């Protein structure tokens, strides 16, 4: 996984703790994320963790994503606030965002629901334009 591949740069990245997507940082909003086609990274990854990135992986890698979310909740209590996970935090520097952001909660709830019932995906796939786009992209019904 992308974050785990950066463990030599950021000692906090491991199978227990990963997740990067655009988020707040101690220096403001950053559009960081995964690898580029040239082998670099998108944005200046600094070791921060974005919990909704792990939540977004729930339908694709449920056991690992749940493990990470539980790890964060159990080992980084300041990352969990009244309404859910903070937007981002950096265990290496001790920085925790003060914001719990609705779009993060939204993707987390949608992906948790989708992982359990596939309702979100099934509803999405009922859209004729999506079916056409999937065919044009070369995806086959499974």
Protein backbone atom coordinates (compact mmCIF):
# COMPACT_ATOMS: atom_id res chain seq x y z
CA UNK A 1 0.00 0.00 0.00
CA UNK A 2 1.10 3.51 -0.72
CA UNK A 3 1.44 4.79 2.86
CA UNK A 4 3.23 1.66 4.02
CA UNK A 5 5.72 2.14 1.18
CA UNK A 6 6.61 5.49 2.80
CA UNK A 7 7.40 3.94 6.22
CA UNK A 8 11.13 4.58 5.76
CA UNK A 9 10.30 8.31 5.58
CA UNK A 10 7.52 8.37 8.18
CA UNK A 11 7.91 5.93 11.04
CA UNK A 12 4.22 6.23 11.95
CA UNK A 13 3.08 4.66 8.65
CA UNK A 14 2.50 0.92 9.08
CA UNK A 15 -0.14 -1.78 8.62
CA UNK A 16 -1.70 -0.34 11.79
CA UNK A 17 -1.71 3.30 10.73
CA UNK A 18 -2.22 4.66 7.23
CA UNK A 19 -4.43 6.98 5.23
CA UNK A 20 -3.63 9.98 3.07
CA UNK A 21 -5.94 12.16 1.02
CA UNK A 22 -6.40 15.91 0.65
CA UNK A 23 -6.95 17.41 4.08
CA UNK A 24 -6.00 20.03 6.59
CA UNK A 25 -2.44 20.02 7.88
CA UNK A 26 -0.51 22.03 10.42
CA UNK A 27 0.33 24.32 7.46
CA UNK A 28 -3.23 24.64 6.11
CA UNK A 29 -5.09 22.67 3.47
CA UNK A 30 -2.95 20.34 1.35
CA UNK A 31 -3.93 18.34 -1.73
CA UNK A 32 -1.68 15.40 -0.97
CA UNK A 33 -2.28 11.84 -1.88
CA UNK A 34 -0.97 8.84 -3.72
CA UNK A 35 1.80 8.16 -6.18
CA UNK A 36 2.23 9.95 -9.48
CA UNK A 37 2.90 8.17 -12.78
CA UNK A 38 6.49 9.41 -12.50
CA UNK A 39 7.02 7.66 -9.15
CA UNK A 40 6.73 10.73 -6.91
CA UNK A 41 3.88 11.69 -4.64
CA UNK A 42 1.02 14.13 -5.04
CA UNK A 43 1.64 17.01 -2.67
CA UNK A 44 4.16 17.28 0.15
CA UNK A 45 3.27 14.20 2.25
CA UNK A 46 4.48 14.97 5.78
CA UNK A 47 3.51 11.93 7.86
CA UNK A 48 -0.01 13.10 8.64
CA UNK A 49 -2.83 10.58 8.84
CA UNK A 50 -6.29 11.27 7.39
CA UNK A 51 -8.77 8.85 8.99
CA UNK A 52 -11.43 9.25 6.29
CA UNK A 53 -8.91 7.86 3.78
CA UNK A 54 -8.92 4.57 5.68
CA UNK A 55 -12.72 4.77 5.99
CA UNK A 56 -12.92 5.27 2.22
CA UNK A 57 -11.19 1.91 1.78
CA UNK A 58 -13.84 -0.01 3.76
CA UNK A 59 -15.60 -1.55 0.72
CA UNK A 60 -12.30 -2.58 -0.86
CA UNK A 61 -10.25 -3.83 2.11
CA UNK A 62 -12.64 -4.07 5.03
CA UNK A 63 -10.47 -5.99 7.53
CA UNK A 64 -7.43 -3.73 7.13
CA UNK A 65 -9.44 -0.48 7.03
CA UNK A 66 -11.41 -1.40 10.17
CA UNK A 67 -8.18 -2.37 11.89
CA UNK A 68 -6.65 1.04 11.12
CA UNK A 69 -9.74 2.96 12.26
CA UNK A 70 -9.85 0.99 15.51
CA UNK A 71 -6.11 1.49 15.98
CA UNK A 72 -6.48 5.24 15.58
CA UNK A 73 -9.39 5.34 18.02
CA UNK A 74 -7.53 3.21 20.57
CA UNK A 75 -4.03 4.68 20.30
CA UNK A 76 -4.68 8.32 19.37
CA UNK A 77 -7.65 9.43 21.49
CA UNK A 78 -7.24 13.08 20.48
CA UNK A 79 -8.04 12.02 16.89
CA UNK A 80 -11.61 11.20 17.97
CA UNK A 81 -13.86 14.08 18.93
CA UNK A 82 -17.53 14.48 19.77
CA UNK A 83 -18.72 13.99 16.18
CA UNK A 84 -16.08 11.59 14.90
CA UNK A 85 -12.51 11.58 13.67
CA UNK A 86 -10.67 14.85 13.15
CA UNK A 87 -9.84 15.73 9.56
CA UNK A 88 -6.17 14.83 10.03
CA UNK A 89 -3.45 14.43 12.62
CA UNK A 90 0.28 13.89 12.66
CA UNK A 91 1.56 11.51 15.36
CA UNK A 92 5.17 12.40 14.54
CA UNK A 93 4.69 16.06 15.44
CA UNK A 94 1.79 15.77 17.89
CA UNK A 95 -0.44 17.97 15.71
CA UNK A 96 -4.19 17.27 15.72
CA UNK A 97 -6.66 19.17 13.59
CA UNK A 98 -9.43 20.79 15.60
CA UNK A 99 -11.96 20.30 12.78
CA UNK A 100 -14.30 17.37 12.28
CA UNK A 101 -15.45 17.90 8.69
CA UNK A 102 -18.79 16.82 7.26
CA UNK A 103 -17.43 15.59 3.93
CA UNK A 104 -15.06 13.29 5.84
CA UNK A 105 -17.91 11.96 7.96
CA UNK A 106 -20.00 11.59 4.81
CA UNK A 107 -17.52 9.40 2.96
CA UNK A 108 -16.91 7.39 6.13
CA UNK A 109 -20.62 6.69 6.67
CA UNK A 110 -21.28 6.00 2.98
CA UNK A 111 -18.40 3.57 2.68
CA UNK A 112 -19.29 1.80 5.95
CA UNK A 113 -22.85 1.35 4.68
CA UNK A 114 -21.61 0.21 1.28
CA UNK A 115 -19.24 -2.32 2.85
CA UNK A 116 -22.14 -3.80 4.82
CA UNK A 117 -25.00 -3.83 2.30
CA UNK A 118 -23.65 -2.64 -1.10
CA UNK A 119 -26.64 -0.27 -1.14
CA UNK A 120 -24.58 2.73 -2.25
CA UNK A 121 -22.90 0.87 -5.13
CA UNK A 122 -26.11 -0.82 -6.25
CA UNK A 123 -27.99 2.49 -6.26
CA UNK A 124 -25.14 4.20 -8.14
CA UNK A 125 -25.04 1.45 -10.76
CA UNK A 126 -28.77 1.86 -11.55
CA UNK A 127 -27.87 5.12 -13.32
CA UNK A 128 -27.82 4.55 -17.10
CA UNK A 129 -24.97 7.03 -17.61
CA UNK A 130 -22.83 5.15 -15.11
CA UNK A 131 -23.54 1.83 -16.80
CA UNK A 132 -22.50 3.32 -20.16
CA UNK A 133 -19.37 4.86 -18.66
CA UNK A 134 -18.36 1.55 -17.08
CA UNK A 135 -18.80 -0.23 -20.42
CA UNK A 136 -16.79 2.46 -22.24
CA UNK A 137 -14.04 2.14 -19.62
CA UNK A 138 -13.90 -1.60 -20.34
CA UNK A 139 -15.43 -2.92 -17.12
CA UNK A 140 -17.45 -6.10 -17.45
CA UNK A 141 -20.39 -7.08 -15.21
CA UNK A 142 -19.16 -9.51 -12.55
